[in-house]
PDB file of all heavy atoms in Angstrom:
ATOM      1  N   ALA A   1       0.833  -1.204   0.000  1.00  0.00           N
ATOM      2  CA  ALA A   1       0.000   0.000   0.000  1.00  0.00           C
ATOM      3  C   ALA A   1       0.868   1.254   0.000  1.00  0.00           C
ATOM      4  O   ALA A   1       1.859   1.330   0.728  1.00  0.00           O
ATOM      5  CB  ALA A   1      -0.921  -0.009   1.216  1.00  0.00           C
ATOM      6  N   PRO A   2       0.523   2.261  -0.795  1.00  0.00           N
ATOM      7  CA  PRO A   2       1.275   3.533  -0.739  1.00  0.00           C
ATOM      8  C   PRO A   2       1.134   4.159   0.645  1.00  0.00           C
ATOM      9  O   PRO A   2       0.045   4.129   1.233  1.00  0.00           O
ATOM     10  CB  PRO A   2       0.600   4.391  -1.812  1.00  0.00           C
ATOM     11  CG  PRO A   2      -0.163   3.442  -2.678  1.00  0.00           C
ATOM     12  CD  PRO A   2      -0.566   2.302  -1.798  1.00  0.00           C
ATOM     13  N   VAL A   3       2.197   4.774   1.159  1.00  0.00           N
ATOM     14  CA  VAL A   3       2.106   5.369   2.492  1.00  0.00           C
ATOM     15  C   VAL A   3       1.146   6.554   2.518  1.00  0.00           C
ATOM     16  O   VAL A   3       0.661   6.930   3.587  1.00  0.00           O
ATOM     17  CB  VAL A   3       3.484   5.804   3.046  1.00  0.00           C
ATOM     18  CG1 VAL A   3       4.366   4.617   3.287  1.00  0.00           C
ATOM     19  CG2 VAL A   3       4.147   6.826   2.149  1.00  0.00           C
ATOM     20  N   THR A   4       0.840   7.116   1.350  1.00  0.00           N
ATOM     21  CA  THR A   4      -0.113   8.217   1.314  1.00  0.00           C
ATOM     22  C   THR A   4      -1.500   7.784   1.758  1.00  0.00           C
ATOM     23  O   THR A   4      -2.315   8.615   2.163  1.00  0.00           O
ATOM     24  CB  THR A   4      -0.176   8.837  -0.096  1.00  0.00           C
ATOM     25  OG1 THR A   4      -0.908  10.051  -0.052  1.00  0.00           O
ATOM     26  CG2 THR A   4      -0.833   7.881  -1.083  1.00  0.00           C
ATOM     27  N   THR A   5      -1.788   6.478   1.728  1.00  0.00           N
ATOM     28  CA  THR A   5      -3.095   5.977   2.159  1.00  0.00           C
ATOM     29  C   THR A   5      -3.146   5.733   3.662  1.00  0.00           C
ATOM     30  O   THR A   5      -4.204   5.410   4.195  1.00  0.00           O
ATOM     31  CB  THR A   5      -3.447   4.664   1.431  1.00  0.00           C
ATOM     32  OG1 THR A   5      -2.502   3.643   1.782  1.00  0.00           O
ATOM     33  CG2 THR A   5      -3.429   4.849  -0.075  1.00  0.00           C
ATOM     34  N   LEU A   6      -2.013   5.874   4.355  1.00  0.00           N
ATOM     35  CA  LEU A   6      -1.966   5.638   5.795  1.00  0.00           C
ATOM     36  C   LEU A   6      -2.311   6.903   6.565  1.00  0.00           C
ATOM     37  O   LEU A   6      -2.124   8.013   6.059  1.00  0.00           O
ATOM     38  CB  LEU A   6      -0.568   5.166   6.219  1.00  0.00           C
ATOM     39  CG  LEU A   6      -0.243   3.666   6.152  1.00  0.00           C
ATOM     40  CD1 LEU A   6      -0.443   3.099   4.761  1.00  0.00           C
ATOM     41  CD2 LEU A   6       1.188   3.430   6.632  1.00  0.00           C
ATOM     42  N   SER A   7      -2.782   6.722   7.796  1.00  0.00           N
ATOM     43  CA  SER A   7      -2.964   7.867   8.689  1.00  0.00           C
ATOM     44  C   SER A   7      -1.600   8.436   9.059  1.00  0.00           C
ATOM     45  O   SER A   7      -0.561   7.780   8.897  1.00  0.00           O
ATOM     46  CB  SER A   7      -3.702   7.436   9.955  1.00  0.00           C
ATOM     47  OG  SER A   7      -2.889   6.567  10.724  1.00  0.00           O
ATOM     48  N   GLY A   8      -1.605   9.655   9.606  1.00  0.00           N
ATOM     49  CA  GLY A   8      -0.346  10.290   9.975  1.00  0.00           C
ATOM     50  C   GLY A   8       0.445   9.487  10.983  1.00  0.00           C
ATOM     51  O   GLY A   8       1.673   9.372  10.895  1.00  0.00           O
ATOM     52  N   GLY A   9      -0.249   8.908  11.970  1.00  0.00           N
ATOM     53  CA  GLY A   9       0.438   8.119  12.990  1.00  0.00           C
ATOM     54  C   GLY A   9       1.070   6.867  12.436  1.00  0.00           C
ATOM     55  O   GLY A   9       2.171   6.473  12.840  1.00  0.00           O
ATOM     56  N   ASN A  10       0.396   6.221  11.481  1.00  0.00           N
ATOM     57  CA  ASN A  10       0.970   5.018  10.886  1.00  0.00           C
ATOM     58  C   ASN A  10       2.102   5.362   9.923  1.00  0.00           C
ATOM     59  O   ASN A  10       3.057   4.587   9.778  1.00  0.00           O
ATOM     60  CB  ASN A  10      -0.128   4.204  10.196  1.00  0.00           C
ATOM     61  CG  ASN A  10      -0.937   3.398  11.188  1.00  0.00           C
ATOM     62  OD1 ASN A  10      -0.450   2.427  11.754  1.00  0.00           O
ATOM     63  ND2 ASN A  10      -2.175   3.803  11.428  1.00  0.00           N
ATOM     64  N   GLN A  11       2.036   6.512   9.284  1.00  0.00           N
ATOM     65  CA  GLN A  11       3.184   6.984   8.508  1.00  0.00           C
ATOM     66  C   GLN A  11       4.387   7.177   9.422  1.00  0.00           C
ATOM     67  O   GLN A  11       5.515   6.807   9.070  1.00  0.00           O
ATOM     68  CB  GLN A  11       2.840   8.297   7.800  1.00  0.00           C
ATOM     69  CG  GLN A  11       1.823   8.167   6.689  1.00  0.00           C
ATOM     70  CD  GLN A  11       1.378   9.508   6.155  1.00  0.00           C
ATOM     71  OE1 GLN A  11       1.846  10.556   6.587  1.00  0.00           O
ATOM     72  NE2 GLN A  11       0.445   9.495   5.206  1.00  0.00           N
ATOM     73  N   GLN A  12       4.143   7.742  10.617  1.00  0.00           N
ATOM     74  CA  GLN A  12       5.234   7.943  11.569  1.00  0.00           C
ATOM     75  C   GLN A  12       5.815   6.610  12.006  1.00  0.00           C
ATOM     76  O   GLN A  12       7.036   6.487  12.193  1.00  0.00           O
ATOM     77  CB  GLN A  12       4.736   8.735  12.773  1.00  0.00           C
ATOM     78  CG  GLN A  12       5.810   9.126  13.765  1.00  0.00           C
ATOM     79  CD  GLN A  12       6.725  10.228  13.242  1.00  0.00           C
ATOM     80  OE1 GLN A  12       6.635  10.635  12.092  1.00  0.00           O
ATOM     81  NE2 GLN A  12       7.617  10.704  14.093  1.00  0.00           N
ATOM     82  N   LYS A  13       4.977   5.601  12.169  1.00  0.00           N
ATOM     83  CA  LYS A  13       5.470   4.278  12.556  1.00  0.00           C
ATOM     84  C   LYS A  13       6.392   3.697  11.486  1.00  0.00           C
ATOM     85  O   LYS A  13       7.350   2.988  11.811  1.00  0.00           O
ATOM     86  CB  LYS A  13       4.305   3.327  12.812  1.00  0.00           C
ATOM     87  CG  LYS A  13       3.559   3.567  14.112  1.00  0.00           C
ATOM     88  CD  LYS A  13       2.477   2.508  14.275  1.00  0.00           C
ATOM     89  CE  LYS A  13       1.688   2.688  15.543  1.00  0.00           C
ATOM     90  NZ  LYS A  13       0.637   1.645  15.673  1.00  0.00           N
ATOM     91  N   VAL A  14       6.102   3.978  10.222  1.00  0.00           N
ATOM     92  CA  VAL A  14       6.980   3.503   9.136  1.00  0.00           C
ATOM     93  C   VAL A  14       8.371   4.115   9.296  1.00  0.00           C
ATOM     94  O   VAL A  14       9.388   3.419   9.193  1.00  0.00           O
ATOM     95  CB  VAL A  14       6.381   3.858   7.756  1.00  0.00           C
ATOM     96  CG1 VAL A  14       7.383   3.538   6.643  1.00  0.00           C
ATOM     97  CG2 VAL A  14       5.081   3.090   7.512  1.00  0.00           C
ATOM     98  N   VAL A  15       8.422   5.421   9.572  1.00  0.00           N
ATOM     99  CA  VAL A  15       9.709   6.099   9.761  1.00  0.00           C
ATOM    100  C   VAL A  15      10.435   5.533  10.978  1.00  0.00           C
ATOM    101  O   VAL A  15      11.635   5.219  10.926  1.00  0.00           O
ATOM    102  CB  VAL A  15       9.506   7.617   9.918  1.00  0.00           C
ATOM    103  CG1 VAL A  15      10.842   8.303  10.199  1.00  0.00           C
ATOM    104  CG2 VAL A  15       8.857   8.208   8.678  1.00  0.00           C
ATOM    105  N   ILE A  16       9.712   5.386  12.093  1.00  0.00           N
ATOM    106  CA  ILE A  16      10.309   4.866  13.328  1.00  0.00           C
ATOM    107  C   ILE A  16      10.844   3.457  13.110  1.00  0.00           C
ATOM    108  O   ILE A  16      11.953   3.110  13.553  1.00  0.00           O
ATOM    109  CB  ILE A  16       9.269   4.868  14.466  1.00  0.00           C
ATOM    110  CG1 ILE A  16       8.842   6.298  14.824  1.00  0.00           C
ATOM    111  CG2 ILE A  16       9.797   4.136  15.689  1.00  0.00           C
ATOM    112  CD1 ILE A  16       9.822   7.084  15.627  1.00  0.00           C
ATOM    113  N   ALA A  17      10.065   2.628  12.428  1.00  0.00           N
ATOM    114  CA  ALA A  17      10.486   1.240  12.180  1.00  0.00           C
ATOM    115  C   ALA A  17      11.773   1.186  11.382  1.00  0.00           C
ATOM    116  O   ALA A  17      12.677   0.400  11.674  1.00  0.00           O
ATOM    117  CB  ALA A  17       9.375   0.489  11.440  1.00  0.00           C
ATOM    118  N   ARG A  18      11.884   2.027  10.366  1.00  0.00           N
ATOM    119  CA  ARG A  18      13.090   2.034   9.532  1.00  0.00           C
ATOM    120  C   ARG A  18      14.297   2.538  10.307  1.00  0.00           C
ATOM    121  O   ARG A  18      15.394   1.960  10.234  1.00  0.00           O
ATOM    122  CB  ARG A  18      12.861   2.915   8.300  1.00  0.00           C
ATOM    123  CG  ARG A  18      14.046   2.949   7.341  1.00  0.00           C
ATOM    124  CD  ARG A  18      13.817   3.927   6.199  1.00  0.00           C
ATOM    125  NE  ARG A  18      13.750   5.307   6.659  1.00  0.00           N
ATOM    126  CZ  ARG A  18      12.779   6.159   6.352  1.00  0.00           C
ATOM    127  NH1 ARG A  18      11.768   5.789   5.599  1.00  0.00           N
ATOM    128  NH2 ARG A  18      12.809   7.400   6.812  1.00  0.00           N
ATOM    129  N   GLU A  19      14.116   3.632  11.056  1.00  0.00           N
ATOM    130  CA  GLU A  19      15.260   4.275  11.692  1.00  0.00           C
ATOM    131  C   GLU A  19      15.721   3.555  12.957  1.00  0.00           C
ATOM    132  O   GLU A  19      16.902   3.600  13.300  1.00  0.00           O
ATOM    133  CB  GLU A  19      14.924   5.731  12.009  1.00  0.00           C
ATOM    134  CG  GLU A  19      14.608   6.574  10.780  1.00  0.00           C
ATOM    135  CD  GLU A  19      15.741   6.575   9.765  1.00  0.00           C
ATOM    136  OE1 GLU A  19      16.913   6.670  10.176  1.00  0.00           O
ATOM    137  OE2 GLU A  19      15.445   6.468   8.556  1.00  0.00           O
ATOM    138  N   LEU A  20      14.805   2.881  13.659  1.00  0.00           N
ATOM    139  CA  LEU A  20      15.193   2.200  14.894  1.00  0.00           C
ATOM    140  C   LEU A  20      15.569   0.738  14.678  1.00  0.00           C
ATOM    141  O   LEU A  20      16.359   0.187  15.441  1.00  0.00           O
ATOM    142  CB  LEU A  20      14.071   2.284  15.936  1.00  0.00           C
ATOM    143  CG  LEU A  20      14.174   3.482  16.895  1.00  0.00           C
ATOM    144  CD1 LEU A  20      13.889   4.776  16.165  1.00  0.00           C
ATOM    145  CD2 LEU A  20      13.245   3.314  18.078  1.00  0.00           C
ATOM    146  N   ARG A  21      14.988   0.105  13.667  1.00  0.00           N
ATOM    147  CA  ARG A  21      15.275  -1.314  13.453  1.00  0.00           C
ATOM    148  C   ARG A  21      15.940  -1.601  12.115  1.00  0.00           C
ATOM    149  O   ARG A  21      16.540  -2.652  11.941  1.00  0.00           O
ATOM    150  CB  ARG A  21      13.972  -2.124  13.563  1.00  0.00           C
ATOM    151  CG  ARG A  21      13.381  -2.116  14.966  1.00  0.00           C
ATOM    152  CD  ARG A  21      14.235  -2.909  15.944  1.00  0.00           C
ATOM    153  NE  ARG A  21      13.756  -2.757  17.319  1.00  0.00           N
ATOM    154  CZ  ARG A  21      12.799  -3.483  17.865  1.00  0.00           C
ATOM    155  NH1 ARG A  21      12.185  -4.407  17.144  1.00  0.00           N
ATOM    156  NH2 ARG A  21      12.435  -3.289  19.113  1.00  0.00           N
ATOM    157  N   GLY A  22      15.825  -0.672  11.175  1.00  0.00           N
ATOM    158  CA  GLY A  22      16.399  -0.921   9.860  1.00  0.00           C
ATOM    159  C   GLY A  22      17.887  -0.627   9.785  1.00  0.00           C
ATOM    160  O   GLY A  22      18.596  -1.176   8.948  1.00  0.00           O
ATOM    161  N   ARG A  23      18.371   0.243  10.688  1.00  0.00           N
ATOM    162  CA  ARG A  23      19.764   0.668  10.642  1.00  0.00           C
ATOM    163  C   ARG A  23      20.522   0.205  11.883  1.00  0.00           C
ATOM    164  O   ARG A  23      19.950   0.062  12.954  1.00  0.00           O
ATOM    165  CB  ARG A  23      19.859   2.196  10.571  1.00  0.00           C
ATOM    166  CG  ARG A  23      19.115   2.846   9.440  1.00  0.00           C
ATOM    167  CD  ARG A  23      19.399   4.347   9.394  1.00  0.00           C
ATOM    168  NE  ARG A  23      18.489   5.046   8.505  1.00  0.00           N
ATOM    169  CZ  ARG A  23      18.613   5.065   7.180  1.00  0.00           C
ATOM    170  NH1 ARG A  23      19.614   4.432   6.611  1.00  0.00           N
ATOM    171  NH2 ARG A  23      17.746   5.717   6.429  1.00  0.00           N
ATOM    172  N   ASP A  24      21.826   0.023  11.720  1.00  0.00           N
ATOM    173  CA  ASP A  24      22.708  -0.237  12.849  1.00  0.00           C
ATOM    174  C   ASP A  24      23.279   1.110  13.271  1.00  0.00           C
ATOM    175  O   ASP A  24      24.189   1.631  12.643  1.00  0.00           O
ATOM    176  CB  ASP A  24      23.823  -1.206  12.454  1.00  0.00           C
ATOM    177  CG  ASP A  24      24.748  -1.518  13.625  1.00  0.00           C
ATOM    178  OD1 ASP A  24      24.339  -1.261  14.771  1.00  0.00           O
ATOM    179  OD2 ASP A  24      25.858  -2.018  13.386  1.00  0.00           O
ATOM    180  N   PHE A  25      22.736   1.705  14.327  1.00  0.00           N
ATOM    181  CA  PHE A  25      23.100   3.078  14.682  1.00  0.00           C
ATOM    182  C   PHE A  25      23.658   3.142  16.092  1.00  0.00           C
ATOM    183  O   PHE A  25      23.380   2.294  16.944  1.00  0.00           O
ATOM    184  CB  PHE A  25      21.886   4.004  14.559  1.00  0.00           C
ATOM    185  CG  PHE A  25      20.779   3.710  15.541  1.00  0.00           C
ATOM    186  CD1 PHE A  25      20.730   4.337  16.781  1.00  0.00           C
ATOM    187  CD2 PHE A  25      19.782   2.797  15.229  1.00  0.00           C
ATOM    188  CE1 PHE A  25      19.710   4.071  17.685  1.00  0.00           C
ATOM    189  CE2 PHE A  25      18.756   2.517  16.131  1.00  0.00           C
ATOM    190  CZ  PHE A  25      18.727   3.159  17.364  1.00  0.00           C
ATOM    191  N   SER A  26      24.443   4.171  16.331  1.00  0.00           N
ATOM    192  CA  SER A  26      24.900   4.484  17.684  1.00  0.00           C
ATOM    193  C   SER A  26      24.265   5.761  18.206  1.00  0.00           C
ATOM    194  O   SER A  26      24.177   5.968  19.414  1.00  0.00           O
ATOM    195  CB  SER A  26      26.427   4.622  17.720  1.00  0.00           C
ATOM    196  OG  SER A  26      26.871   5.622  16.806  1.00  0.00           O
ATOM    197  N   LEU A  27      23.830   6.638  17.279  1.00  0.00           N
ATOM    198  CA  LEU A  27      23.194   7.900  17.632  1.00  0.00           C
ATOM    199  C   LEU A  27      21.847   8.001  16.925  1.00  0.00           C
ATOM    200  O   LEU A  27      21.766   7.853  15.702  1.00  0.00           O
ATOM    201  CB  LEU A  27      24.064   9.088  17.217  1.00  0.00           C
ATOM    202  CG  LEU A  27      23.414  10.471  17.321  1.00  0.00           C
ATOM    203  CD1 LEU A  27      23.141  10.834  18.782  1.00  0.00           C
ATOM    204  CD2 LEU A  27      24.284  11.538  16.648  1.00  0.00           C
ATOM    205  N   LEU A  28      20.795   8.256  17.697  1.00  0.00           N
ATOM    206  CA  LEU A  28      19.466   8.468  17.137  1.00  0.00           C
ATOM    207  C   LEU A  28      19.070   9.924  17.335  1.00  0.00           C
ATOM    208  O   LEU A  28      19.054  10.425  18.462  1.00  0.00           O
ATOM    209  CB  LEU A  28      18.437   7.560  17.817  1.00  0.00           C
ATOM    210  CG  LEU A  28      16.973   7.803  17.429  1.00  0.00           C
ATOM    211  CD1 LEU A  28      16.742   7.480  15.951  1.00  0.00           C
ATOM    212  CD2 LEU A  28      16.038   6.996  18.314  1.00  0.00           C
ATOM    213  N   LEU A  29      18.759  10.601  16.230  1.00  0.00           N
ATOM    214  CA  LEU A  29      18.209  11.954  16.268  1.00  0.00           C
ATOM    215  C   LEU A  29      16.698  11.818  16.123  1.00  0.00           C
ATOM    216  O   LEU A  29      16.202  11.470  15.052  1.00  0.00           O
ATOM    217  CB  LEU A  29      18.775  12.805  15.130  1.00  0.00           C
ATOM    218  CG  LEU A  29      20.304  12.855  15.008  1.00  0.00           C
ATOM    219  CD1 LEU A  29      20.709  13.618  13.749  1.00  0.00           C
ATOM    220  CD2 LEU A  29      20.929  13.481  16.247  1.00  0.00           C
ATOM    221  N   ALA A  30      15.958  12.056  17.200  1.00  0.00           N
ATOM    222  CA  ALA A  30      14.507  11.883  17.192  1.00  0.00           C
ATOM    223  C   ALA A  30      13.842  13.245  17.356  1.00  0.00           C
ATOM    224  O   ALA A  30      13.916  13.853  18.424  1.00  0.00           O
ATOM    225  CB  ALA A  30      14.081  10.943  18.314  1.00  0.00           C
TER     226      ALA A  30
END
């Protein structure tokens, strides 16, 4: 599904999921 069809909160969850679990990071800018 295109993210444009999601509510704002679920769009935010997509970003959070990618940045917190998709990357191997030492610093998170939230």
